[in-house]
Amino acid sequence: MRNVKRVLLVVAFFLLVLMILAFVLENQQSVSLLFLGWVGPQLPISFVIVIALLVGMVIGPILGWLIVRISRVRRKSLA
């Protein structure tokens, strides 16, 4: 049973890698982002989306941790 889970995990990982690779290869158009007057360099749209995904994957858990921490502090101060 343990080996089956491991094999399924490896297969799922490789499918994810293949999907990301297909996405990157299909989205090679260059875009330039404009944010608060700052114009970014011309980059492939897939690169911009993958960077946004990675930033979100870092910021999301940090914000979740901060919200839990703040609520615990508030709960302790009320008790």
Protein backbone atom coordinates (compact mmCIF):
# COMPACT_ATOMS: atom_id res chain seq x y z
CA MET A 1 0.00 0.00 0.00
CA ARG A 2 2.84 2.32 0.82
CA ASN A 3 4.49 1.75 -2.56
CA VAL A 4 1.22 2.42 -4.38
CA LYS A 5 0.89 5.79 -2.64
CA ARG A 6 4.48 6.61 -3.52
CA VAL A 7 3.98 5.68 -7.17
CA LEU A 8 0.77 7.74 -7.37
CA LEU A 9 2.54 10.70 -5.81
CA VAL A 10 5.40 10.46 -8.33
CA VAL A 11 2.95 10.14 -11.24
CA ALA A 12 0.95 13.15 -10.00
CA PHE A 13 4.17 15.15 -9.64
CA PHE A 14 5.28 14.33 -13.18
CA LEU A 15 1.84 15.18 -14.56
CA LEU A 16 2.03 18.55 -12.82
CA VAL A 17 5.49 19.18 -14.25
CA LEU A 18 4.28 18.24 -17.74
CA MET A 19 1.28 20.56 -17.43
CA ILE A 20 3.50 23.45 -16.32
CA LEU A 21 5.94 22.74 -19.15
CA ALA A 22 3.10 22.69 -21.71
CA PHE A 23 1.75 25.96 -20.29
CA VAL A 24 5.14 27.65 -20.51
CA LEU A 25 5.77 26.43 -24.05
CA GLU A 26 2.33 27.52 -25.27
CA ASN A 27 2.47 31.03 -23.76
CA GLN A 28 5.60 32.65 -25.14
CA GLN A 29 4.05 36.00 -26.15
CA SER A 30 5.90 38.94 -24.63
CA VAL A 31 4.05 41.39 -22.42
CA SER A 32 5.07 44.47 -20.50
CA LEU A 33 3.31 45.25 -17.24
CA LEU A 34 2.52 48.77 -16.05
CA PHE A 35 2.16 49.22 -12.28
CA LEU A 36 1.94 52.63 -10.56
CA GLY A 37 3.80 54.29 -13.41
CA TRP A 38 6.57 51.70 -13.46
CA VAL A 39 6.87 49.86 -16.77
CA GLY A 40 8.29 46.39 -16.51
CA PRO A 41 10.52 44.72 -19.07
CA GLN A 42 9.14 42.64 -21.95
CA LEU A 43 8.79 39.11 -20.56
CA PRO A 44 6.92 36.01 -21.73
CA ILE A 45 3.42 35.91 -20.27
CA SER A 46 4.05 32.43 -18.86
CA PHE A 47 6.97 33.79 -16.83
CA VAL A 48 4.82 36.59 -15.42
CA ILE A 49 2.04 34.17 -14.45
CA VAL A 50 4.41 31.62 -12.86
CA ILE A 51 6.12 34.38 -10.82
CA ALA A 52 2.71 35.67 -9.69
CA LEU A 53 1.76 32.12 -8.67
CA LEU A 54 4.96 31.65 -6.67
CA VAL A 55 4.58 35.02 -4.95
CA GLY A 56 1.00 34.11 -4.03
CA MET A 57 2.13 30.74 -2.70
CA VAL A 58 4.57 32.54 -0.39
CA ILE A 59 2.34 35.44 0.68
CA GLY A 60 -0.83 33.34 1.23
CA PRO A 61 0.51 31.14 4.05
CA ILE A 62 2.26 34.11 5.67
CA LEU A 63 -1.00 36.07 5.76
CA GLY A 64 -2.85 33.03 7.10
CA TRP A 65 -0.27 32.60 9.84
CA LEU A 66 -0.52 36.31 10.77
CA ILE A 67 -4.33 36.17 10.96
CA VAL A 68 -4.23 33.11 13.24
CA ARG A 69 -1.56 34.73 15.41
CA ILE A 70 -3.51 38.00 15.74
CA SER A 71 -6.72 36.15 16.62
CA ARG A 72 -4.91 34.13 19.30
CA VAL A 73 -3.47 37.30 20.84
CA ARG A 74 -6.91 38.93 20.85
CA ARG A 75 -8.48 35.84 22.39
CA LYS A 76 -5.83 35.76 25.15
CA SER A 77 -6.32 39.45 25.93
CA LEU A 78 -10.10 38.97 26.28
CA ALA A 79 -9.74 36.05 28.68
